[in-house]
Amino acid sequence: MRVDFTRFASASTARLHSSAFQLCRDWHLAQDLTQATLAKLFLSWDRAADSDNLPAYAQKVLLRVYLDHRRRRSSTETVPGDLREPEYSMSPELRITLQDALSRLPVRDRAIVMLRYYADHSVEQVAQELDVPITVVKSQTRRSLIKLRHMLSGERPTLFA
């Protein structure tokens, strides 16, 4: 049991951490969310290991941990400091612009967009992970993309250069 979990944790920690960062945009909080996710997976490893798609199961646990964190009153507290992010292939200015636009979306809309376009999940997978009907995922995705287009309309030359 421990060997299987250790292998899975080693193989998926980077992906979970990256997904957590996309959700919360705080490198340190993403580390905490990743650790909490792995702890929950370890405690329920027998059930998790029986899952048809273990990485998707882990992503769902991560999403639940993130939403639980957001519900807490202390989640709105901020600590000033340096943000250490990994290197990305796109320009830093474009990345910051996109992250800023995403951060202005409501939490569930941001989660839907991140799961659909960053994690490349199907509409059905997103609906299952968020426990909402497929129609909600489709309509919220459409509305969120319209909001993002509107927010980024002034940045169009930079985005498509």
C-alpha atoms as a PDB file:
ATOM      1  CA  MET A   1       0.000   0.000   0.000  1.00  0.00           C
ATOM      2  CA  ARG A   2       2.656   2.534   1.016  1.00  0.00           C
ATOM      3  CA  VAL A   3       4.846   1.694  -1.954  1.00  0.00           C
ATOM      4  CA  ASP A   4       1.976   2.246  -4.407  1.00  0.00           C
ATOM      5  CA  PHE A   5       1.030   5.534  -2.773  1.00  0.00           C
ATOM      6  CA  THR A   6       4.659   6.694  -2.733  1.00  0.00           C
ATOM      7  CA  ARG A   7       4.997   5.937  -6.448  1.00  0.00           C
ATOM      8  CA  PHE A   8       1.767   7.753  -7.252  1.00  0.00           C
ATOM      9  CA  ALA A   9       2.663  10.750  -5.081  1.00  0.00           C
ATOM     10  CA  SER A  10       6.112  11.044  -6.663  1.00  0.00           C
ATOM     11  CA  ALA A  11       4.672  10.877 -10.164  1.00  0.00           C
ATOM     12  CA  SER A  12       1.774  13.271  -9.648  1.00  0.00           C
ATOM     13  CA  THR A  13       2.970  15.887  -7.151  1.00  0.00           C
ATOM     14  CA  ALA A  14       4.231  18.315  -9.796  1.00  0.00           C
ATOM     15  CA  ARG A  15       0.967  18.141 -11.758  1.00  0.00           C
ATOM     16  CA  LEU A  16      -1.156  18.551  -8.616  1.00  0.00           C
ATOM     17  CA  HIS A  17       0.976  21.480  -7.507  1.00  0.00           C
ATOM     18  CA  SER A  18       0.657  23.143 -10.889  1.00  0.00           C
ATOM     19  CA  SER A  19      -3.119  22.663 -10.871  1.00  0.00           C
ATOM     20  CA  ALA A  20      -3.337  24.032  -7.345  1.00  0.00           C
ATOM     21  CA  PHE A  21      -1.373  27.102  -8.401  1.00  0.00           C
ATOM     22  CA  GLN A  22      -3.737  27.667 -11.324  1.00  0.00           C
ATOM     23  CA  LEU A  23      -6.656  27.593  -8.900  1.00  0.00           C
ATOM     24  CA  CYS A  24      -5.299  29.855  -6.170  1.00  0.00           C
ATOM     25  CA  ARG A  25      -2.470  31.851  -7.831  1.00  0.00           C
ATOM     26  CA  ASP A  26      -0.370  31.616  -4.653  1.00  0.00           C
ATOM     27  CA  TRP A  27       2.705  29.409  -4.846  1.00  0.00           C
ATOM     28  CA  HIS A  28       2.863  28.725  -1.109  1.00  0.00           C
ATOM     29  CA  LEU A  29      -0.851  28.039  -0.759  1.00  0.00           C
ATOM     30  CA  ALA A  30      -0.572  25.701  -3.758  1.00  0.00           C
ATOM     31  CA  GLN A  31       2.066  23.737  -1.843  1.00  0.00           C
ATOM     32  CA  ASP A  32      -0.258  23.525   1.166  1.00  0.00           C
ATOM     33  CA  LEU A  33      -3.191  22.424  -0.994  1.00  0.00           C
ATOM     34  CA  THR A  34      -1.030  19.787  -2.670  1.00  0.00           C
ATOM     35  CA  GLN A  35       0.119  18.418   0.673  1.00  0.00           C
ATOM     36  CA  ALA A  36      -3.441  18.363   2.029  1.00  0.00           C
ATOM     37  CA  THR A  37      -4.579  16.555  -1.115  1.00  0.00           C
ATOM     38  CA  LEU A  38      -1.856  13.938  -0.771  1.00  0.00           C
ATOM     39  CA  ALA A  39      -2.687  13.493   2.919  1.00  0.00           C
ATOM     40  CA  LYS A  40      -6.360  12.905   2.116  1.00  0.00           C
ATOM     41  CA  LEU A  41      -5.409  10.480  -0.639  1.00  0.00           C
ATOM     42  CA  PHE A  42      -3.126   8.580   1.729  1.00  0.00           C
ATOM     43  CA  LEU A  43      -5.863   8.277   4.352  1.00  0.00           C
ATOM     44  CA  SER A  44      -8.292   6.870   1.805  1.00  0.00           C
ATOM     45  CA  TRP A  45      -5.744   5.080  -0.375  1.00  0.00           C
ATOM     46  CA  ASP A  46      -7.622   1.760  -0.470  1.00  0.00           C
ATOM     47  CA  ARG A  47     -10.656   3.454  -2.011  1.00  0.00           C
ATOM     48  CA  ALA A  48      -8.596   5.797  -4.199  1.00  0.00           C
ATOM     49  CA  ALA A  49      -6.445   2.999  -5.598  1.00  0.00           C
ATOM     50  CA  ASP A  50      -9.603   1.233  -6.802  1.00  0.00           C
ATOM     51  CA  SER A  51     -10.527   4.268  -8.902  1.00  0.00           C
ATOM     52  CA  ASP A  52     -10.678   3.834 -12.680  1.00  0.00           C
ATOM     53  CA  ASN A  53      -8.715   7.049 -13.226  1.00  0.00           C
ATOM     54  CA  LEU A  54      -6.466   7.803 -10.263  1.00  0.00           C
ATOM     55  CA  PRO A  55      -5.058  11.130 -11.591  1.00  0.00           C
ATOM     56  CA  ALA A  56      -8.615  12.423 -12.142  1.00  0.00           C
ATOM     57  CA  TYR A  57      -9.568  11.230  -8.656  1.00  0.00           C
ATOM     58  CA  ALA A  58      -6.595  13.151  -7.242  1.00  0.00           C
ATOM     59  CA  GLN A  59      -7.598  16.278  -9.195  1.00  0.00           C
ATOM     60  CA  LYS A  60     -11.099  16.009  -7.747  1.00  0.00           C
ATOM     61  CA  VAL A  61      -9.698  15.724  -4.225  1.00  0.00           C
ATOM     62  CA  LEU A  62      -7.500  18.768  -4.920  1.00  0.00           C
ATOM     63  CA  LEU A  63     -10.506  20.750  -6.124  1.00  0.00           C
ATOM     64  CA  ARG A  64     -12.454  19.804  -2.995  1.00  0.00           C
ATOM     65  CA  VAL A  65      -9.525  20.806  -0.767  1.00  0.00           C
ATOM     66  CA  TYR A  66      -9.307  24.160  -2.585  1.00  0.00           C
ATOM     67  CA  LEU A  67     -13.047  24.823  -2.282  1.00  0.00           C
ATOM     68  CA  ASP A  68     -12.959  23.885   1.417  1.00  0.00           C
ATOM     69  CA  HIS A  69     -10.101  26.326   1.898  1.00  0.00           C
ATOM     70  CA  ARG A  70     -12.016  29.107   0.122  1.00  0.00           C
ATOM     71  CA  ARG A  71     -15.013  28.602   2.405  1.00  0.00           C
ATOM     72  CA  ARG A  72     -12.901  29.339   5.477  1.00  0.00           C
ATOM     73  CA  ARG A  73     -12.869  32.922   6.633  1.00  0.00           C
ATOM     74  CA  SER A  74      -9.080  32.913   6.982  1.00  0.00           C
ATOM     75  CA  SER A  75      -8.668  32.192   3.261  1.00  0.00           C
ATOM     76  CA  THR A  76      -9.021  35.887   2.452  1.00  0.00           C
ATOM     77  CA  GLU A  77      -6.003  36.878   4.531  1.00  0.00           C
ATOM     78  CA  THR A  78      -2.926  37.784   2.537  1.00  0.00           C
ATOM     79  CA  VAL A  79       0.736  37.948   3.416  1.00  0.00           C
ATOM     80  CA  PRO A  80       2.941  40.205   1.320  1.00  0.00           C
ATOM     81  CA  GLY A  81       6.063  38.606  -0.052  1.00  0.00           C
ATOM     82  CA  ASP A  82       7.880  37.400  -3.112  1.00  0.00           C
ATOM     83  CA  LEU A  83       6.148  34.954  -5.372  1.00  0.00           C
ATOM     84  CA  ARG A  84       8.433  32.281  -6.762  1.00  0.00           C
ATOM     85  CA  GLU A  85       6.917  30.781  -9.854  1.00  0.00           C
ATOM     86  CA  PRO A  86       8.373  28.226 -12.235  1.00  0.00           C
ATOM     87  CA  GLU A  87       9.602  29.219 -15.674  1.00  0.00           C
ATOM     88  CA  TYR A  88       6.960  29.257 -18.379  1.00  0.00           C
ATOM     89  CA  SER A  89       7.299  29.273 -22.143  1.00  0.00           C
ATOM     90  CA  MET A  90       4.975  32.238 -22.735  1.00  0.00           C
ATOM     91  CA  SER A  91       6.034  35.807 -22.108  1.00  0.00           C
ATOM     92  CA  PRO A  92       5.725  36.943 -18.476  1.00  0.00           C
ATOM     93  CA  GLU A  93       3.597  39.955 -19.446  1.00  0.00           C
ATOM     94  CA  LEU A  94       1.084  37.806 -21.312  1.00  0.00           C
ATOM     95  CA  ARG A  95       0.981  35.275 -18.491  1.00  0.00           C
ATOM     96  CA  ILE A  96       0.347  37.981 -15.890  1.00  0.00           C
ATOM     97  CA  THR A  97      -2.389  39.492 -18.057  1.00  0.00           C
ATOM     98  CA  LEU A  98      -4.120  36.132 -18.419  1.00  0.00           C
ATOM     99  CA  GLN A  99      -3.795  35.312 -14.711  1.00  0.00           C
ATOM    100  CA  ASP A 100      -5.181  38.704 -13.761  1.00  0.00           C
ATOM    101  CA  ALA A 101      -8.206  38.178 -15.993  1.00  0.00           C
ATOM    102  CA  LEU A 102      -8.758  34.674 -14.594  1.00  0.00           C
ATOM    103  CA  SER A 103      -8.497  35.957 -11.021  1.00  0.00           C
ATOM    104  CA  ARG A 104     -11.407  38.324 -11.651  1.00  0.00           C
ATOM    105  CA  LEU A 105     -13.718  35.410 -12.445  1.00  0.00           C
ATOM    106  CA  PRO A 106     -15.805  33.939  -9.616  1.00  0.00           C
ATOM    107  CA  VAL A 107     -14.273  30.873  -7.945  1.00  0.00           C
ATOM    108  CA  ARG A 108     -16.490  28.256  -9.603  1.00  0.00           C
ATOM    109  CA  ASP A 109     -16.129  29.890 -13.036  1.00  0.00           C
ATOM    110  CA  ARG A 110     -12.343  29.947 -12.620  1.00  0.00           C
ATOM    111  CA  ALA A 111     -12.394  26.273 -11.616  1.00  0.00           C
ATOM    112  CA  ILE A 112     -14.481  25.377 -14.670  1.00  0.00           C
ATOM    113  CA  VAL A 113     -12.213  27.274 -17.072  1.00  0.00           C
ATOM    114  CA  MET A 114      -9.090  25.815 -15.461  1.00  0.00           C
ATOM    115  CA  LEU A 115     -10.417  22.266 -15.596  1.00  0.00           C
ATOM    116  CA  ARG A 116     -11.711  22.596 -19.172  1.00  0.00           C
ATOM    117  CA  TYR A 117      -8.781  24.401 -20.780  1.00  0.00           C
ATOM    118  CA  TYR A 118      -5.771  23.995 -18.505  1.00  0.00           C
ATOM    119  CA  ALA A 119      -6.346  20.439 -17.290  1.00  0.00           C
ATOM    120  CA  ASP A 120      -8.033  19.509 -20.610  1.00  0.00           C
ATOM    121  CA  HIS A 121     -11.025  17.767 -19.021  1.00  0.00           C
ATOM    122  CA  SER A 122     -14.197  17.034 -20.943  1.00  0.00           C
ATOM    123  CA  VAL A 123     -17.469  18.746 -20.066  1.00  0.00           C
ATOM    124  CA  GLU A 124     -18.660  15.507 -18.499  1.00  0.00           C
ATOM    125  CA  GLN A 125     -15.528  15.171 -16.339  1.00  0.00           C
ATOM    126  CA  VAL A 126     -15.842  18.765 -15.100  1.00  0.00           C
ATOM    127  CA  ALA A 127     -19.516  18.250 -14.296  1.00  0.00           C
ATOM    128  CA  GLN A 128     -18.669  15.113 -12.358  1.00  0.00           C
ATOM    129  CA  GLU A 129     -15.793  16.736 -10.473  1.00  0.00           C
ATOM    130  CA  LEU A 130     -17.865  19.769  -9.464  1.00  0.00           C
ATOM    131  CA  ASP A 131     -21.078  17.780  -8.916  1.00  0.00           C
ATOM    132  CA  VAL A 132     -23.093  20.021 -11.213  1.00  0.00           C
ATOM    133  CA  PRO A 133     -25.183  19.238 -14.302  1.00  0.00           C
ATOM    134  CA  ILE A 134     -23.467  19.249 -17.692  1.00  0.00           C
ATOM    135  CA  THR A 135     -25.642  22.168 -18.777  1.00  0.00           C
ATOM    136  CA  VAL A 136     -24.224  24.274 -15.931  1.00  0.00           C
ATOM    137  CA  VAL A 137     -20.669  23.527 -17.059  1.00  0.00           C
ATOM    138  CA  LYS A 138     -21.523  24.436 -20.654  1.00  0.00           C
ATOM    139  CA  SER A 139     -23.322  27.670 -19.785  1.00  0.00           C
ATOM    140  CA  GLN A 140     -20.735  28.772 -17.197  1.00  0.00           C
ATOM    141  CA  THR A 141     -17.902  28.022 -19.632  1.00  0.00           C
ATOM    142  CA  ARG A 142     -19.607  30.104 -22.304  1.00  0.00           C
ATOM    143  CA  ARG A 143     -20.271  32.994 -19.905  1.00  0.00           C
ATOM    144  CA  SER A 144     -16.753  32.836 -18.476  1.00  0.00           C
ATOM    145  CA  LEU A 145     -15.167  32.941 -21.921  1.00  0.00           C
ATOM    146  CA  ILE A 146     -17.324  35.940 -22.840  1.00  0.00           C
ATOM    147  CA  LYS A 147     -16.220  37.672 -19.627  1.00  0.00           C
ATOM    148  CA  LEU A 148     -12.571  36.860 -20.355  1.00  0.00           C
ATOM    149  CA  ARG A 149     -12.867  38.158 -23.939  1.00  0.00           C
ATOM    150  CA  HIS A 150     -14.388  41.360 -22.625  1.00  0.00           C
ATOM    151  CA  MET A 151     -11.689  41.772 -19.957  1.00  0.00           C
ATOM    152  CA  LEU A 152      -8.908  41.075 -22.469  1.00  0.00           C
ATOM    153  CA  SER A 153     -10.298  43.127 -25.360  1.00  0.00           C
ATOM    154  CA  GLY A 154      -7.732  45.894 -24.748  1.00  0.00           C
ATOM    155  CA  GLU A 155      -4.917  43.332 -24.766  1.00  0.00           C
ATOM    156  CA  ARG A 156      -5.877  41.820 -28.129  1.00  0.00           C
ATOM    157  CA  PRO A 157      -2.730  42.992 -30.020  1.00  0.00           C
ATOM    158  CA  THR A 158      -0.476  41.544 -27.291  1.00  0.00           C
ATOM    159  CA  LEU A 159      -2.366  38.250 -27.100  1.00  0.00           C
ATOM    160  CA  PHE A 160      -2.345  37.590 -30.824  1.00  0.00           C
ATOM    161  CA  ALA A 161       1.066  39.032 -31.752  1.00  0.00           C
END
